Protein backbone atom coordinates (compact mmCIF):
# COMPACT_ATOMS: atom_id res chain seq x y z
CA MET A 1 0.00 0.00 0.00
CA ARG A 2 1.28 3.45 -0.96
CA LEU A 3 1.92 6.08 1.72
CA LEU A 4 2.35 9.86 1.39
CA SER A 5 4.35 12.53 3.17
CA SER A 6 2.60 15.77 4.12
CA ASN A 7 4.19 17.52 1.12
CA GLN A 8 3.08 14.73 -1.21
CA ALA A 9 -0.44 14.90 0.22
CA ARG A 10 -0.56 18.65 -0.46
CA TYR A 11 0.73 18.05 -3.99
CA LEU A 12 -2.07 15.52 -4.52
CA ASP A 13 -4.58 18.14 -3.39
CA ARG A 14 -3.19 20.72 -5.83
CA ILE A 15 -2.99 18.45 -8.85
CA THR A 16 -6.52 17.15 -8.21
CA VAL A 17 -7.87 20.70 -8.33
CA ASP A 18 -5.61 22.11 -11.07
CA LYS A 19 -5.33 19.18 -13.48
CA PHE A 20 -8.34 17.00 -12.75
CA LYS A 21 -10.68 19.97 -12.15
CA ILE A 22 -12.24 18.69 -8.94
CA SER A 23 -13.02 21.70 -6.76
CA ASN A 24 -11.86 22.08 -3.19
CA ARG A 25 -15.48 22.35 -2.15
CA ASN A 26 -16.36 19.01 -3.74
CA LEU A 27 -13.32 17.39 -2.14
CA MET A 28 -14.44 18.70 1.25
CA LYS A 29 -18.00 17.58 0.64
CA ASN A 30 -16.83 14.10 -0.32
CA ALA A 31 -14.57 14.01 2.74
CA GLY A 32 -17.51 14.89 4.96
CA LYS A 33 -19.57 12.12 3.39
CA GLU A 34 -16.82 9.53 3.99
CA ILE A 35 -16.29 10.66 7.58
CA ALA A 36 -20.01 10.46 8.26
CA PHE A 37 -20.11 6.96 6.76
CA TYR A 38 -17.42 5.63 9.09
CA ALA A 39 -18.83 7.57 12.03
CA LYS A 40 -22.16 5.82 11.56
CA LYS A 41 -20.40 2.45 11.50
CA MET A 42 -18.72 3.25 14.82
CA VAL A 43 -22.05 4.00 16.57
CA ASN A 44 -24.08 1.42 14.69
CA ASN A 45 -24.91 -0.61 17.80
CA ILE A 46 -25.58 2.35 20.11
CA PRO A 47 -29.22 3.48 20.58
CA ASN A 48 -29.66 7.21 19.89
CA PRO A 49 -25.95 8.00 19.76
CA VAL A 50 -24.71 11.50 20.59
CA ILE A 51 -21.91 12.77 18.33
CA LEU A 52 -19.64 15.79 18.79
CA VAL A 53 -17.54 17.17 15.92
CA ILE A 54 -14.64 19.33 17.07
CA CYS A 55 -13.29 21.62 14.35
CA GLY A 56 -10.20 23.71 13.75
CA LYS A 57 -9.99 26.63 11.35
CA GLY A 58 -8.48 24.95 8.28
CA ASN A 59 -9.51 22.26 5.83
CA ASN A 60 -9.56 19.65 8.60
CA GLY A 61 -12.19 21.69 10.38
CA GLY A 62 -14.06 22.17 7.11
CA ASP A 63 -14.18 18.40 6.66
CA GLY A 64 -15.64 18.22 10.16
CA TYR A 65 -18.39 20.73 9.38
CA ALA A 66 -19.23 18.82 6.19
CA ALA A 67 -19.40 15.56 8.15
CA ALA A 68 -21.71 17.18 10.72
CA SER A 69 -24.10 18.28 7.97
CA PHE A 70 -24.31 14.74 6.55
CA LEU A 71 -24.93 13.28 10.00
CA GLN A 72 -27.65 15.85 10.66
CA HIS A 73 -29.34 15.00 7.34
CA ASP A 74 -29.33 11.34 8.41
CA GLY A 75 -31.09 12.16 11.68
CA PHE A 76 -28.21 11.85 14.13
CA ASN A 77 -27.89 13.90 17.31
CA VAL A 78 -24.81 15.93 16.36
CA SER A 79 -23.25 19.13 17.67
CA VAL A 80 -20.08 21.06 16.82
CA GLN A 81 -17.33 22.54 18.97
CA SER A 82 -15.22 25.14 17.15
CA ILE A 83 -11.85 25.96 18.66
CA VAL A 84 -11.70 29.30 16.82
CA ALA A 85 -13.97 32.32 16.59
CA LYS A 86 -16.38 32.47 13.67
CA GLU A 87 -14.42 35.26 11.92
CA LEU A 88 -11.39 32.96 11.59
CA ILE A 89 -13.31 30.33 9.62
CA LYS A 90 -12.51 30.92 5.94
CA ARG A 91 -13.15 29.72 2.37
CA GLU A 92 -14.68 26.24 1.92
CA ALA A 93 -14.72 25.63 5.65
CA LEU A 94 -16.92 28.72 6.05
CA PHE A 95 -19.33 27.35 3.42
CA PHE A 96 -19.90 24.13 5.38
CA TYR A 97 -19.96 25.98 8.70
CA GLU A 98 -22.83 28.09 7.38
CA GLU A 99 -24.55 24.95 6.15
CA CYS A 100 -24.37 23.59 9.71
CA VAL A 101 -25.87 26.87 10.99
CA ASN A 102 -28.70 26.65 8.45
CA LEU A 103 -29.41 23.07 9.50
CA GLY A 104 -29.74 24.17 13.12
CA ILE A 105 -26.75 22.17 14.37
CA PRO A 106 -25.69 23.47 17.82
CA ILE A 107 -22.24 25.12 17.58
CA SER A 108 -20.14 26.31 20.52
CA PHE A 109 -16.83 28.16 20.46
CA TYR A 110 -13.57 27.78 22.39
CA PRO A 111 -12.60 28.50 25.17
CA SER A 112 -15.87 27.07 26.40
CA LEU A 113 -15.74 23.27 26.17
CA LYS A 114 -18.67 20.92 26.50
CA SER A 115 -18.92 19.96 30.15
CA THR A 116 -20.83 16.74 29.61
CA ASN A 117 -19.23 13.35 29.08
CA ASP A 118 -22.29 11.96 27.32
CA PHE A 119 -20.80 11.77 23.81
CA HIS A 120 -20.69 8.35 22.25
CA LEU A 121 -18.41 9.53 19.45
CA ILE A 122 -16.15 12.53 18.97
CA ILE A 123 -14.91 13.43 15.50
CA ASP A 124 -11.47 15.08 15.63
CA GLY A 125 -11.20 17.77 12.94
CA LEU A 126 -8.65 19.95 14.71
CA LEU A 127 -5.33 19.89 12.86
CA GLY A 128 -4.89 17.02 10.39
CA ILE A 129 -1.67 17.20 8.36
CA GLY A 130 -1.38 20.94 9.03
CA LEU A 131 0.66 20.51 12.20
CA LYS A 132 3.85 22.62 12.16
CA GLY A 133 6.11 23.60 15.03
CA PRO A 134 5.28 23.22 18.72
CA ILE A 135 1.77 22.46 19.96
CA GLU A 136 0.06 25.47 21.53
CA ASN A 137 -1.05 25.09 25.13
CA ASN A 138 -4.73 25.44 24.26
CA PHE A 139 -4.42 22.44 21.91
CA ILE A 140 -2.75 20.39 24.62
CA LYS A 141 -5.66 21.24 26.91
CA ILE A 142 -8.15 20.13 24.24
CA PHE A 143 -6.24 16.91 23.47
CA THR A 144 -6.22 16.04 27.17
CA TRP A 145 -9.92 16.79 27.45
CA LEU A 146 -10.70 14.61 24.42
CA ASN A 147 -8.60 11.68 25.57
CA ASN A 148 -10.13 11.75 29.04
CA LEU A 149 -13.71 11.55 27.78
CA ASN A 150 -15.32 8.14 27.82
CA SER A 151 -16.03 8.36 24.10
CA LYS A 152 -14.92 6.73 20.89
CA ILE A 153 -12.78 9.04 18.76
CA LEU A 154 -12.63 9.23 14.97
CA SER A 155 -9.81 11.42 13.61
CA ILE A 156 -9.90 13.12 10.22
CA ASP A 157 -6.88 12.41 7.99
CA VAL A 158 -4.43 12.08 10.93
CA PRO A 159 -4.95 12.34 14.71
CA SER A 160 -4.43 15.93 15.78
CA GLY A 161 -1.02 16.45 17.38
CA LEU A 162 0.61 13.50 15.61
CA ASN A 163 3.32 14.45 13.13
CA CYS A 164 2.22 12.77 9.92
CA ASP A 165 5.79 12.58 8.58
CA ASN A 166 7.65 10.98 11.48
CA GLY A 167 5.04 9.56 13.87
CA THR A 168 6.11 11.70 16.84
CA PHE A 169 4.11 14.16 18.89
CA ARG A 170 5.02 17.01 21.20
CA LYS A 171 3.59 16.71 24.70
CA SER A 172 0.24 15.33 23.55
CA SER A 173 -1.85 13.98 20.69
CA VAL A 174 -5.39 12.80 20.14
CA LYS A 175 -5.60 9.04 20.59
CA ALA A 176 -8.11 7.81 18.01
CA ASP A 177 -10.04 4.57 17.76
CA CYS A 178 -10.23 5.06 14.00
CA THR A 179 -8.59 7.43 11.54
CA VAL A 180 -10.19 8.17 8.17
CA THR A 181 -7.43 9.37 5.87
CA PHE A 182 -7.66 10.54 2.25
CA GLY A 183 -5.68 9.71 -0.88
CA ALA A 184 -3.40 7.35 1.04
CA PRO A 185 -2.24 6.88 4.61
CA LYS A 186 0.47 9.27 5.73
CA ILE A 187 3.99 8.05 6.51
CA GLY A 188 3.86 9.02 10.18
CA MET A 189 0.77 6.90 10.74
CA TYR A 190 3.04 3.84 10.53
CA LEU A 191 6.18 5.24 12.20
CA ARG A 192 6.95 5.32 15.93
CA HIS A 193 3.78 6.32 17.85
CA GLY A 194 1.59 6.48 14.73
CA PRO A 195 -0.08 3.04 14.97
CA GLN A 196 -0.77 3.54 18.68
CA TYR A 197 -2.53 6.86 18.13
CA CYS A 198 -4.30 6.20 14.82
CA GLY A 199 -6.25 3.12 15.84
CA LYS A 200 -7.84 1.46 12.83
CA ILE A 201 -6.74 3.21 9.62
CA VAL A 202 -9.17 3.43 6.71
CA VAL A 203 -8.75 5.26 3.41
CA GLY A 204 -11.75 7.31 2.32
CA ASP A 205 -12.42 7.86 -1.38
CA ILE A 206 -13.08 11.57 -1.97
CA GLY A 207 -12.32 11.76 -5.68
CA PHE A 208 -8.54 11.87 -5.81
CA PRO A 209 -7.04 10.37 -8.99
CA SER A 210 -5.38 6.96 -8.66
CA LEU A 211 -1.83 7.28 -7.41
CA ASN A 212 -0.82 4.91 -10.20
CA ASN A 213 -1.86 7.51 -12.77
CA ILE A 214 0.10 10.50 -11.49
CA ASP A 215 3.74 11.25 -10.83
CA ILE A 216 4.08 12.54 -7.27
CA PRO A 217 7.52 14.04 -6.51
CA GLY A 218 9.64 12.35 -3.86
CA PRO A 219 10.20 8.76 -2.76
CA ILE A 220 7.56 6.09 -3.20
CA TRP A 221 6.74 4.89 0.32
CA LYS A 222 4.97 1.56 0.81
CA ILE A 223 4.34 -0.87 3.63
CA ASN A 224 5.34 -4.52 3.48
CA ASN A 225 2.52 -6.98 2.96
CA VAL A 226 2.00 -10.71 3.25
CA GLU A 227 1.49 -11.11 -0.50
CA MET A 228 5.18 -10.33 -1.03
CA LEU A 229 6.19 -13.30 1.07
CA ASP A 230 3.85 -15.60 -0.84
CA LYS A 231 5.51 -14.40 -4.03
CA TYR A 232 9.13 -14.90 -3.01
CA LEU A 233 9.35 -17.52 -0.27
CA LYS A 234 8.40 -20.61 -2.24
CA LYS A 235 9.32 -24.18 -1.36
CA PRO A 236 12.95 -24.82 -2.44
CA SER A 237 13.61 -26.75 -5.63
CA ILE A 238 13.66 -30.53 -5.25
CA ASP A 239 17.23 -30.78 -6.59
CA ILE A 240 18.71 -28.16 -4.26
CA ASN A 241 21.90 -29.01 -2.32
CA LYS A 242 24.02 -27.32 0.34
CA ASN A 243 26.16 -25.54 -2.26
CA SER A 244 23.29 -24.27 -4.38
CA ALA A 245 21.26 -23.25 -1.31
CA GLY A 246 23.63 -20.33 -0.72
CA LYS A 247 27.05 -19.88 0.88
CA VAL A 248 27.60 -17.05 3.37
CA LEU A 249 30.97 -15.77 4.58
CA ILE A 250 30.54 -14.12 7.99
CA ILE A 251 33.24 -11.77 9.26
CA ALA A 252 32.17 -11.10 12.82
CA GLY A 253 32.99 -11.36 16.50
CA SER A 254 35.82 -10.39 18.86
CA GLN A 255 36.75 -10.73 22.52
CA GLY A 256 33.56 -10.21 24.53
CA MET A 257 31.34 -10.21 21.43
CA THR A 258 31.59 -13.74 20.07
CA GLY A 259 27.81 -13.99 20.44
CA ALA A 260 27.33 -11.60 17.52
CA ALA A 261 29.16 -14.00 15.21
CA ILE A 262 27.26 -17.03 16.54
CA LEU A 263 23.83 -15.38 16.29
CA SER A 264 24.37 -14.06 12.75
CA THR A 265 25.72 -17.44 11.63
CA TYR A 266 22.76 -19.38 12.94
CA ALA A 267 20.33 -16.80 11.59
CA ALA A 268 21.80 -17.38 8.13
CA LEU A 269 21.48 -21.15 8.52
CA ARG A 270 17.97 -21.02 10.01
CA SER A 271 16.74 -18.86 7.13
CA GLY A 272 17.93 -21.21 4.41
CA ALA A 273 21.66 -20.83 3.72
CA GLY A 274 23.27 -24.14 2.81
CA LEU A 275 26.75 -23.33 4.09
CA THR A 276 28.33 -20.71 6.33
CA LEU A 277 31.97 -19.90 6.98
CA THR A 278 32.63 -17.69 10.02
CA THR A 279 35.97 -16.01 10.74
CA ALA A 280 37.39 -16.81 14.19
CA PRO A 281 40.36 -15.17 15.93
CA LYS A 282 42.54 -18.12 16.97
CA SER A 283 42.52 -17.16 20.65
CA LEU A 284 38.70 -17.46 20.58
CA SER A 285 38.39 -20.37 18.17
CA GLN A 286 37.33 -22.85 20.85
CA ILE A 287 34.22 -20.77 21.51
CA TYR A 288 33.40 -20.69 17.80
CA GLU A 289 34.08 -24.42 17.30
CA GLN A 290 31.92 -25.44 20.24
CA SER A 291 29.08 -23.07 19.41
CA ILE A 292 28.83 -23.22 15.60
CA ILE A 293 28.57 -26.96 15.07
CA GLU A 294 26.55 -26.76 11.83
CA GLY A 295 28.75 -24.07 10.25
CA MET A 296 32.41 -23.93 9.27
CA THR A 297 34.98 -21.61 10.80
CA LEU A 298 38.01 -19.84 9.37
CA THR A 299 40.60 -19.66 12.16
CA LEU A 300 42.94 -16.66 11.93
CA ASN A 301 46.04 -16.21 14.07
CA ASP A 302 45.46 -13.14 16.22
CA GLN A 303 48.46 -13.15 18.59
CA ASN A 304 45.99 -13.47 21.50
CA SER A 305 44.50 -10.07 20.69
CA GLY A 306 40.96 -11.40 20.51
CA ARG A 307 40.15 -9.42 17.37
CA LEU A 308 40.67 -9.29 13.61
CA GLY A 309 42.98 -6.70 12.03
CA LEU A 310 44.51 -5.53 8.81
CA GLU A 311 46.95 -8.45 8.88
CA HIS A 312 44.05 -10.81 8.16
CA PHE A 313 43.01 -9.13 4.90
CA GLU A 314 44.62 -11.61 2.48
CA SER A 315 43.40 -14.69 4.37
CA ILE A 316 39.84 -13.39 4.30
CA MET A 317 40.00 -12.37 0.64
CA ASP A 318 41.17 -15.89 -0.25
CA ARG A 319 37.76 -17.16 0.90
CA VAL A 320 35.59 -14.46 -0.67
CA LYS A 321 35.53 -16.28 -4.02
CA TRP A 322 33.80 -19.22 -2.30
CA ALA A 323 30.91 -17.12 -0.99
CA ASP A 324 27.62 -16.04 -2.55
CA SER A 325 27.29 -13.21 -0.02
CA VAL A 326 29.44 -11.69 2.71
CA LEU A 327 28.31 -10.34 6.08
CA LEU A 328 30.79 -7.91 7.64
CA GLY A 329 30.66 -6.22 11.00
CA PRO A 330 28.67 -7.80 13.86
CA GLY A 331 30.74 -7.70 17.03
CA LEU A 332 34.05 -6.94 15.30
CA GLY A 333 34.87 -4.13 17.73
CA ARG A 334 36.44 -0.74 17.02
CA ASP A 335 40.18 -1.38 17.31
CA LEU A 336 42.02 0.86 14.85
CA SER A 337 43.49 -2.08 12.94
CA THR A 338 40.01 -3.65 12.74
CA GLN A 339 38.64 -0.41 11.28
CA LYS A 340 41.38 -0.38 8.65
CA LEU A 341 40.57 -4.00 7.78
CA ILE A 342 36.88 -3.16 7.39
CA ARG A 343 37.52 -0.21 5.09
CA LYS A 344 39.84 -2.29 2.90
CA LEU A 345 37.41 -5.22 2.74
CA VAL A 346 34.55 -2.92 1.76
CA LYS A 347 36.66 -1.62 -1.09
CA TYR A 348 37.89 -4.95 -2.44
CA ILE A 349 35.23 -7.59 -1.72
CA ASP A 350 33.60 -8.21 -5.08
CA LYS A 351 30.60 -10.18 -3.78
CA PRO A 352 27.32 -8.83 -2.43
CA LEU A 353 28.16 -7.33 0.95
CA ILE A 354 25.97 -6.76 4.02
CA LEU A 355 27.61 -4.16 6.26
CA ASP A 356 26.29 -4.12 9.81
CA ALA A 357 27.04 -2.85 13.31
CA ASP A 358 30.79 -2.27 13.89
CA GLY A 359 31.28 -2.57 10.14
CA LEU A 360 29.65 0.84 9.80
CA PHE A 361 31.74 2.67 12.40
CA PRO A 362 34.80 3.29 10.17
CA PHE A 363 32.51 5.24 7.82
CA SER A 364 31.48 7.92 10.30
CA ASN A 365 30.41 10.98 8.33
CA ASP A 366 31.47 9.14 5.17
CA ILE A 367 28.35 7.94 3.39
CA PHE A 368 29.89 9.05 0.09
CA THR A 369 32.74 6.51 0.32
CA LEU A 370 30.20 3.76 0.87
CA SER A 371 28.15 5.01 -2.04
CA LYS A 372 31.17 4.73 -4.37
CA ARG A 373 31.50 0.99 -3.77
CA VAL A 374 31.26 -0.74 -7.16
CA HIS A 375 29.75 -4.05 -6.05
CA PRO A 376 26.36 -4.59 -4.36
CA LEU A 377 26.04 -3.33 -0.80
CA ILE A 378 23.37 -3.41 1.90
CA ILE A 379 23.94 -1.32 5.02
CA THR A 380 21.84 -1.96 8.14
CA PRO A 381 22.32 0.93 10.60
CA HIS A 382 20.25 1.53 13.69
CA PHE A 383 19.30 5.16 14.38
CA GLY A 384 22.56 5.95 16.14
CA GLU A 385 24.67 4.45 13.36
CA PHE A 386 22.51 6.15 10.73
CA ALA A 387 23.08 9.49 12.46
CA ASN A 388 26.80 8.73 12.68
CA ILE A 389 27.35 8.02 8.99
CA LEU A 390 25.33 11.12 8.05
CA ASP A 391 26.96 13.22 10.81
CA TYR A 392 23.69 14.33 12.41
CA LYS A 393 22.34 14.23 15.94
CA VAL A 394 20.11 11.24 16.67
CA GLU A 395 17.24 13.47 17.83
CA ASN A 396 17.32 15.29 14.46
CA ILE A 397 17.23 11.98 12.60
CA ILE A 398 14.08 11.04 14.49
CA THR A 399 12.20 14.32 14.01
CA GLU A 400 13.31 14.82 10.41
CA PHE A 401 13.49 11.20 9.34
CA PRO A 402 11.81 11.43 5.90
CA ASP A 403 14.04 14.38 4.99
CA HIS A 404 17.21 12.51 5.95
CA LEU A 405 16.03 9.45 4.08
CA ASP A 406 15.45 11.67 1.03
CA PHE A 407 19.06 12.85 1.37
CA LEU A 408 20.24 9.26 1.57
CA LEU A 409 18.27 8.21 -1.50
CA ASN A 410 19.80 11.08 -3.46
CA ASN A 411 23.36 10.39 -2.31
CA PHE A 412 23.63 6.64 -1.78
CA ASN A 413 23.61 4.14 -4.62
CA HIS A 414 22.92 1.01 -2.60
CA VAL A 415 20.33 -0.48 -0.23
CA CYS A 416 19.92 0.97 3.26
CA LEU A 417 17.86 -0.72 5.96
CA VAL A 418 17.35 1.64 8.90
CA LYS A 419 16.53 -0.09 12.18
CA GLN A 420 14.18 2.55 13.50
CA ILE A 421 10.57 2.17 14.72
CA PRO A 422 9.62 0.37 12.56
CA ILE A 423 12.37 -0.76 10.16
CA CYS A 424 12.51 1.14 6.86
CA THR A 425 14.32 -0.14 3.77
CA ALA A 426 15.35 2.36 1.10
CA TYR A 427 16.74 1.97 -2.38
CA GLY A 428 16.58 4.08 -5.55
CA ASN A 429 13.34 6.02 -5.19
CA SER A 430 11.55 3.50 -2.99
CA VAL A 431 11.08 3.05 0.74
CA ARG A 432 9.33 0.12 2.39
CA ILE A 433 8.08 0.29 5.96
CA ASN A 434 8.02 -3.01 7.82
CA ILE A 435 4.94 -3.54 10.00
CA THR A 436 5.92 -6.76 11.78
CA GLY A 437 7.82 -6.99 15.05
CA ASN A 438 7.39 -5.57 18.53
CA CYS A 439 9.34 -4.05 21.42
CA GLY A 440 10.57 -7.51 22.43
CA LEU A 441 13.25 -6.95 19.79
CA ALA A 442 14.82 -4.24 21.98
CA THR A 443 17.53 -6.55 23.26
CA ALA A 444 21.15 -7.24 22.39
CA GLY A 445 21.80 -9.45 19.38
CA THR A 446 18.54 -9.10 17.49
CA GLY A 447 20.28 -6.91 14.91
CA ASP A 448 22.89 -9.63 14.39
CA VAL A 449 20.08 -12.08 13.69
CA LEU A 450 18.53 -9.72 11.15
CA ALA A 451 21.87 -9.26 9.37
CA GLY A 452 22.26 -13.04 9.14
CA ILE A 453 18.80 -13.47 7.63
CA ILE A 454 19.48 -10.82 5.00
CA ALA A 455 22.87 -12.32 4.10
CA SER A 456 21.19 -15.71 3.72
CA PHE A 457 18.49 -14.38 1.40
CA VAL A 458 21.10 -12.64 -0.76
CA ALA A 459 23.11 -15.88 -0.97
CA GLN A 460 19.95 -17.73 -2.02
CA GLY A 461 19.56 -15.42 -4.99
CA PHE A 462 17.01 -12.83 -3.91
CA SER A 463 17.64 -9.28 -5.08
CA TYR A 464 19.41 -7.02 -2.59
CA TYR A 465 16.39 -4.80 -2.00
CA ASN A 466 14.03 -7.77 -1.64
CA SER A 467 16.46 -9.53 0.70
CA ALA A 468 16.51 -6.52 3.00
CA PHE A 469 12.79 -5.88 3.33
CA LEU A 470 11.88 -9.58 3.33
CA GLY A 471 14.49 -10.13 6.02
CA ALA A 472 12.95 -7.37 8.12
CA HIS A 473 9.50 -8.89 7.66
CA ILE A 474 10.57 -12.40 8.69
CA HIS A 475 12.65 -11.05 11.59
CA GLY A 476 9.64 -9.13 12.93
CA MET A 477 7.27 -12.05 12.43
CA ALA A 478 9.67 -14.32 14.33
CA SER A 479 9.43 -11.94 17.29
CA ASP A 480 5.64 -11.69 17.00
CA TYR A 481 5.50 -15.49 17.02
CA LEU A 482 7.25 -15.47 20.41
CA LEU A 483 4.82 -13.16 22.18
CA ASP A 484 2.52 -15.89 23.49
CA LYS A 485 5.46 -17.85 24.92
CA LYS A 486 7.91 -15.15 25.98
CA GLY A 487 6.00 -11.88 26.12
CA TYR A 488 7.95 -8.69 25.43
CA ARG A 489 10.54 -8.51 28.21
CA GLY A 490 11.25 -12.23 28.12
CA GLN A 491 12.52 -12.37 24.55
CA ILE A 492 16.23 -12.73 23.82
CA ALA A 493 17.93 -12.83 20.44
CA SER A 494 18.58 -16.57 20.42
CA ASP A 495 14.83 -17.19 20.81
CA LEU A 496 14.42 -15.82 17.27
CA LEU A 497 16.59 -18.63 15.89
CA GLU A 498 13.93 -21.15 16.87
CA SER A 499 10.97 -19.14 15.63
CA ILE A 500 12.42 -18.19 12.22
CA PRO A 501 11.73 -21.71 10.83
CA GLU A 502 8.19 -21.60 12.25
CA VAL A 503 7.55 -18.45 10.22
CA LEU A 504 9.28 -19.60 7.04
CA LYS A 505 7.42 -22.89 6.91
CA LEU A 506 4.15 -21.00 6.47
CA TYR A 507 5.32 -20.00 2.98
CA GLU A 508 6.93 -23.26 1.87
CA LYS A 509 3.85 -25.34 1.23
CA SER A 510 3.97 -25.03 -2.54
C-alpha cells in the first residue's frame, strides 16, 4: 500500500484541483460524506448515539463541518465545537460551517468546552496534516480533554497532534479509535507512535485520482505486505543441495562479542543458507568451534588479541571467491586495525556485501565513500549508526526522518535498511516500511540475527532490496511469534533462531 508525506499529500490536493478539475469544495463535501459513513459504523450498535464534531480553522475543520451536515441529514444527534472564533473560519470551511448553521446544528466556540461526558463519538477535525512547530497550550488542553472523555474518537486524515511525517508528537496527541485518511495513509501513521494513536486506519475515497496515474515528486513509500512473502518464499527446488542453497561468509565477532558471530551465523542457517563460513580469531576459536557446530569456521592467528585486524586481509579475501554473499561487522569491535581492515574489505570484496554494526563505524560521516562501492552493498544501521554516517544528531534523525532518508536516497547508490521504529528499507526512489515486530526486539543481538537473515536471502539469490525488506518482515514475524510464549521482556535474540523456521514454513507449502 502506498503512503504519502505531508508535502506529497498537499501536492495531490493541488494536482486534483488544477489538473483533474475537482473543486476544493467538492473534495471537502466528499470528505464529509466519507467521515459520516465511518462515524455511523462506529455508533451502529448504540441506541440514539450522541456525536460531537470538534473543528479547527483549516480544511480539517471544514471536513468536520461537512461531516456534521451529513450526519444531521441522516437524523443523528450531532453538535459542533469550534476551537476558533467564527471570523477565523474561511473559504470552503466557512461554506460548510454556514450549512451547519442553516441546519440548526448546535455550535459552541472555544474556550468554552462541553462539560458533559455523554458523547458516544467525537470526531477530531482539529489539525490534520497541518501541524507545524510546537503544539500550543490550548491544543494540549483540548487533546487532554478529548482523551479523558469516555467516548470513541474518529480522527480526520491524521490524529491531531501527531506528526504525519515521522510519527512523533510534542507533549500530547489525540488518541483515536479510528482514523479516516484521504488519498493514502500518511507516513507518520506507521512510524513510531503512529499506529498507537491512529487506531484502525481506513482510506476514504473523496475523488482523488489513482496514485498509479500520477507522478508525485519524492520517494515512493509503501508498507510490506503478506502477499510479497507468498511471491518470493516458495518451497525450495527438489534438486537443491548445500552448495546451491547459498554460501555465506561471515566476518564477525571479537573478545567479549563472540555472540554476535554465533547469532548471525545461525540466523543465516535457520533462514535457508546451505553453508556458512565464520571467521574466528585463533585465541577465541574454541568458543566458535563449540558453538557453531553446523557451520564452518576460518581460524585466523590473532596473537591473543581477541580481534581481527589488517593483517588478516589476504586470508579473508582468499575465501571471498567461495561465498555467494558476505556479512561484515557484527561484534568486530572498534580497534584501529580492525577499522582499517573493514575499510579495505569494503573496497575490495567483489561479492554482495551486508555491512552491519561495527562494520559501519569506520565510515562515520562518510556515506559518500560507501556510495562509491562498485559491487552490491546493503547497510543496516540503527538510528545511532545512521546518524553517525550522516553526521547528524540522533534526535534530528528522528524528528526529520523522511528528509534525511530523502538525502540518503539522493546520495547513496545502494540499499539501506534503517533499524528505527519500525524498520525502513530504502533503495533508488523507494522506501518500504516493515509492520511486523514488537518491542521484544529491543535486546542485544537481534540486529545480528537480522543481518544473518538478510545475508542468507542474498546468498539464495534474492535481489538485494528484496532480501533486506523480506528479512525485516521475517525477523519481525519471528518476534511476533514469540509473544505468546515469551512476552515482550522475556525475549532474547537466540529465541528468534527457533521461531524463524516456524515463520518460514508457512510460505513453503507449494
